[in-house]
Amino acid sequence: MRQVASKEPLPELREFLLPFSNYFQRSEGRQDLERYTTGLLSDIPRKNSQTIASSVPETNSQRLQELLTLMSTGRLNYPKKGK
């Protein structure tokens, strides 16, 4: 599948995702979220971890699947109230 996105995040997307960075202890999680969201915003026909990984550089389907699992099971690092 052809690459449809840049290796660099879109500045607007990076700014939009900034409030969500507290949910991830590691930079890899934040990058995975950015790459996944980039894939969702792209023009690829079927949007799943496999097609996004093959179309968006700097990620792979395993990392995206792990991100989706963390999000769906509520195992993210939820920020403490007041921060």
N, C-alpha and C. Protein backbone atom coordinates (compact mmCIF):
# COMPACT_ATOMS: atom_id res chain seq x y z
N MET A 1 0.85 -1.17 0.00
CA MET A 1 0.00 0.00 0.00
C MET A 1 0.90 1.24 0.00
N ARG A 2 0.46 2.26 -0.64
CA ARG A 2 1.27 3.46 -0.74
C ARG A 2 1.22 4.28 0.55
N GLN A 3 2.29 5.02 0.77
CA GLN A 3 2.35 5.92 1.93
C GLN A 3 1.49 7.15 1.63
N VAL A 4 0.61 7.50 2.53
CA VAL A 4 -0.30 8.63 2.30
C VAL A 4 -0.06 9.78 3.28
N ALA A 5 0.90 9.63 4.18
CA ALA A 5 1.12 10.66 5.18
C ALA A 5 2.61 10.94 5.31
N SER A 6 2.90 12.10 5.81
CA SER A 6 4.28 12.50 6.06
C SER A 6 4.80 11.81 7.31
N LYS A 7 6.12 11.71 7.41
CA LYS A 7 6.73 11.18 8.63
C LYS A 7 6.56 12.15 9.79
N GLU A 8 6.43 13.42 9.46
CA GLU A 8 6.28 14.46 10.47
C GLU A 8 4.80 14.70 10.77
N PRO A 9 4.45 14.89 12.04
CA PRO A 9 3.05 15.16 12.38
C PRO A 9 2.59 16.51 11.84
N LEU A 10 1.33 16.60 11.53
CA LEU A 10 0.76 17.88 11.14
C LEU A 10 0.77 18.80 12.36
N PRO A 11 1.20 20.04 12.21
CA PRO A 11 1.24 20.94 13.38
C PRO A 11 -0.11 21.10 14.06
N GLU A 12 -1.17 21.18 13.28
CA GLU A 12 -2.51 21.34 13.86
C GLU A 12 -2.92 20.10 14.64
N LEU A 13 -2.58 18.93 14.13
CA LEU A 13 -2.91 17.69 14.82
C LEU A 13 -2.10 17.57 16.11
N ARG A 14 -0.84 17.90 16.04
CA ARG A 14 0.01 17.86 17.24
C ARG A 14 -0.58 18.76 18.33
N GLU A 15 -1.01 19.95 17.96
CA GLU A 15 -1.61 20.87 18.92
C GLU A 15 -2.93 20.31 19.48
N PHE A 16 -3.74 19.72 18.61
CA PHE A 16 -5.01 19.13 19.05
C PHE A 16 -4.81 18.00 20.04
N LEU A 17 -3.79 17.18 19.81
CA LEU A 17 -3.55 16.00 20.66
C LEU A 17 -2.80 16.32 21.94
N LEU A 18 -2.28 17.52 22.08
CA LEU A 18 -1.49 17.89 23.26
C LEU A 18 -2.21 17.62 24.58
N PRO A 19 -3.50 17.94 24.74
CA PRO A 19 -4.17 17.65 26.02
C PRO A 19 -4.24 16.16 26.36
N PHE A 20 -4.09 15.30 25.37
CA PHE A 20 -4.18 13.86 25.61
C PHE A 20 -2.83 13.25 26.01
N SER A 21 -1.76 14.04 25.97
CA SER A 21 -0.43 13.50 26.25
C SER A 21 -0.30 13.00 27.68
N ASN A 22 -1.09 13.54 28.61
CA ASN A 22 -1.03 13.09 30.00
C ASN A 22 -1.50 11.65 30.19
N TYR A 23 -2.19 11.11 29.21
CA TYR A 23 -2.69 9.75 29.31
C TYR A 23 -1.61 8.70 29.00
N PHE A 24 -0.46 9.16 28.52
CA PHE A 24 0.59 8.24 28.11
C PHE A 24 1.86 8.54 28.88
N GLN A 25 2.41 7.53 29.54
CA GLN A 25 3.63 7.71 30.31
C GLN A 25 4.85 7.82 29.40
N ARG A 26 4.78 7.18 28.25
CA ARG A 26 5.94 7.12 27.35
C ARG A 26 5.66 7.87 26.06
N SER A 27 6.71 8.35 25.46
CA SER A 27 6.57 9.10 24.21
C SER A 27 6.07 8.21 23.07
N GLU A 28 6.34 6.92 23.14
CA GLU A 28 5.88 6.01 22.09
C GLU A 28 4.36 5.97 22.01
N GLY A 29 3.70 5.99 23.16
CA GLY A 29 2.24 6.01 23.18
C GLY A 29 1.67 7.26 22.55
N ARG A 30 2.31 8.39 22.85
CA ARG A 30 1.86 9.66 22.24
C ARG A 30 2.07 9.64 20.73
N GLN A 31 3.20 9.07 20.30
CA GLN A 31 3.46 8.98 18.87
C GLN A 31 2.47 8.02 18.20
N ASP A 32 2.16 6.92 18.85
CA ASP A 32 1.20 5.97 18.29
C ASP A 32 -0.17 6.63 18.11
N LEU A 33 -0.58 7.42 19.10
CA LEU A 33 -1.86 8.12 18.99
C LEU A 33 -1.84 9.09 17.82
N GLU A 34 -0.75 9.81 17.65
CA GLU A 34 -0.64 10.76 16.54
C GLU A 34 -0.67 10.03 15.20
N ARG A 35 0.06 8.92 15.09
CA ARG A 35 0.10 8.17 13.83
C ARG A 35 -1.27 7.55 13.52
N TYR A 36 -1.95 7.03 14.55
CA TYR A 36 -3.27 6.45 14.36
C TYR A 36 -4.27 7.51 13.91
N THR A 37 -4.25 8.66 14.56
CA THR A 37 -5.15 9.74 14.19
C THR A 37 -4.85 10.24 12.79
N THR A 38 -3.57 10.32 12.44
CA THR A 38 -3.19 10.69 11.07
C THR A 38 -3.81 9.71 10.08
N GLY A 39 -3.75 8.43 10.40
CA GLY A 39 -4.34 7.42 9.52
C GLY A 39 -5.84 7.57 9.38
N LEU A 40 -6.50 7.89 10.50
CA LEU A 40 -7.96 8.08 10.44
C LEU A 40 -8.33 9.27 9.57
N LEU A 41 -7.47 10.29 9.54
CA LEU A 41 -7.74 11.48 8.75
C LEU A 41 -7.31 11.34 7.28
N SER A 42 -6.62 10.25 6.97
CA SER A 42 -6.13 10.05 5.61
C SER A 42 -7.23 9.54 4.69
N ASP A 43 -6.88 9.38 3.42
CA ASP A 43 -7.87 8.93 2.44
C ASP A 43 -7.80 7.43 2.14
N ILE A 44 -7.22 6.64 3.04
CA ILE A 44 -7.19 5.20 2.80
C ILE A 44 -8.60 4.64 2.95
N PRO A 45 -8.95 3.64 2.15
CA PRO A 45 -10.34 3.17 2.12
C PRO A 45 -10.80 2.43 3.38
N ARG A 46 -10.00 1.55 3.91
CA ARG A 46 -10.40 0.78 5.10
C ARG A 46 -9.46 1.16 6.23
N LYS A 47 -10.02 1.68 7.28
CA LYS A 47 -9.20 2.20 8.36
C LYS A 47 -9.16 1.22 9.53
N ASN A 48 -8.13 0.40 9.54
CA ASN A 48 -7.86 -0.49 10.67
C ASN A 48 -6.37 -0.45 10.93
N SER A 49 -5.92 -1.10 11.98
CA SER A 49 -4.50 -0.98 12.34
C SER A 49 -3.57 -1.46 11.24
N GLN A 50 -3.97 -2.47 10.51
CA GLN A 50 -3.12 -3.00 9.44
C GLN A 50 -2.99 -2.02 8.27
N THR A 51 -4.11 -1.51 7.78
CA THR A 51 -4.05 -0.59 6.64
C THR A 51 -3.43 0.75 7.02
N ILE A 52 -3.70 1.21 8.23
CA ILE A 52 -3.08 2.46 8.67
C ILE A 52 -1.56 2.27 8.78
N ALA A 53 -1.12 1.18 9.37
CA ALA A 53 0.31 0.93 9.52
C ALA A 53 1.03 0.82 8.19
N SER A 54 0.37 0.27 7.19
CA SER A 54 1.03 0.16 5.89
C SER A 54 0.97 1.45 5.08
N SER A 55 0.15 2.39 5.50
CA SER A 55 0.00 3.65 4.77
C SER A 55 0.63 4.85 5.47
N VAL A 56 0.83 4.75 6.76
CA VAL A 56 1.36 5.86 7.54
C VAL A 56 2.76 5.47 8.03
N PRO A 57 3.79 6.24 7.68
CA PRO A 57 5.15 5.88 8.10
C PRO A 57 5.36 6.02 9.60
N GLU A 58 6.43 5.39 10.09
CA GLU A 58 6.85 5.48 11.48
C GLU A 58 5.92 4.76 12.45
N THR A 59 5.23 3.71 11.99
CA THR A 59 4.43 2.90 12.90
C THR A 59 4.30 1.49 12.34
N ASN A 60 3.67 0.61 13.10
CA ASN A 60 3.38 -0.73 12.60
C ASN A 60 2.06 -1.19 13.21
N SER A 61 1.49 -2.24 12.67
CA SER A 61 0.16 -2.67 13.09
C SER A 61 0.14 -3.15 14.54
N GLN A 62 1.23 -3.74 15.02
CA GLN A 62 1.27 -4.21 16.41
C GLN A 62 1.17 -3.03 17.38
N ARG A 63 1.92 -1.98 17.12
CA ARG A 63 1.86 -0.80 18.00
C ARG A 63 0.48 -0.18 17.99
N LEU A 64 -0.13 -0.09 16.81
CA LEU A 64 -1.47 0.50 16.73
C LEU A 64 -2.50 -0.39 17.42
N GLN A 65 -2.36 -1.70 17.28
CA GLN A 65 -3.30 -2.60 17.94
C GLN A 65 -3.16 -2.51 19.45
N GLU A 66 -1.93 -2.38 19.94
CA GLU A 66 -1.72 -2.21 21.38
C GLU A 66 -2.36 -0.91 21.88
N LEU A 67 -2.25 0.16 21.08
CA LEU A 67 -2.89 1.43 21.44
C LEU A 67 -4.40 1.25 21.53
N LEU A 68 -4.99 0.60 20.55
CA LEU A 68 -6.44 0.39 20.56
C LEU A 68 -6.87 -0.47 21.75
N THR A 69 -6.08 -1.45 22.09
CA THR A 69 -6.39 -2.31 23.24
C THR A 69 -6.33 -1.50 24.53
N LEU A 70 -5.30 -0.69 24.69
CA LEU A 70 -5.20 0.15 25.88
C LEU A 70 -6.40 1.08 26.00
N MET A 71 -6.78 1.69 24.90
CA MET A 71 -7.89 2.63 24.93
C MET A 71 -9.22 1.92 25.20
N SER A 72 -9.42 0.77 24.61
CA SER A 72 -10.71 0.09 24.77
C SER A 72 -10.88 -0.58 26.13
N THR A 73 -9.78 -0.92 26.79
CA THR A 73 -9.86 -1.58 28.10
C THR A 73 -9.69 -0.61 29.25
N GLY A 74 -9.48 0.67 28.94
CA GLY A 74 -9.35 1.67 30.00
C GLY A 74 -8.05 1.57 30.77
N ARG A 75 -7.00 1.04 30.15
CA ARG A 75 -5.72 0.88 30.85
C ARG A 75 -4.75 2.02 30.54
N LEU A 76 -5.28 3.18 30.22
CA LEU A 76 -4.43 4.34 30.02
C LEU A 76 -4.06 4.95 31.36
N ASN A 77 -3.06 5.77 31.36
CA ASN A 77 -2.60 6.46 32.57
C ASN A 77 -3.47 7.70 32.76
N TYR A 78 -4.61 7.54 33.43
CA TYR A 78 -5.51 8.68 33.60
C TYR A 78 -4.89 9.71 34.52
N PRO A 79 -4.89 10.97 34.12
CA PRO A 79 -4.29 12.01 34.96
C PRO A 79 -5.06 12.19 36.26
N LYS A 80 -4.32 12.54 37.29
CA LYS A 80 -4.97 12.79 38.58
C LYS A 80 -5.73 14.10 38.51
N LYS A 81 -6.84 14.17 39.22
CA LYS A 81 -7.64 15.40 39.22
C LYS A 81 -6.83 16.53 39.84
N GLY A 82 -7.05 17.71 39.28
CA GLY A 82 -6.35 18.88 39.78
C GLY A 82 -5.06 19.18 39.06
N LYS A 83 -4.71 18.35 38.10
CA LYS A 83 -3.49 18.59 37.32
C LYS A 83 -3.81 19.04 35.94
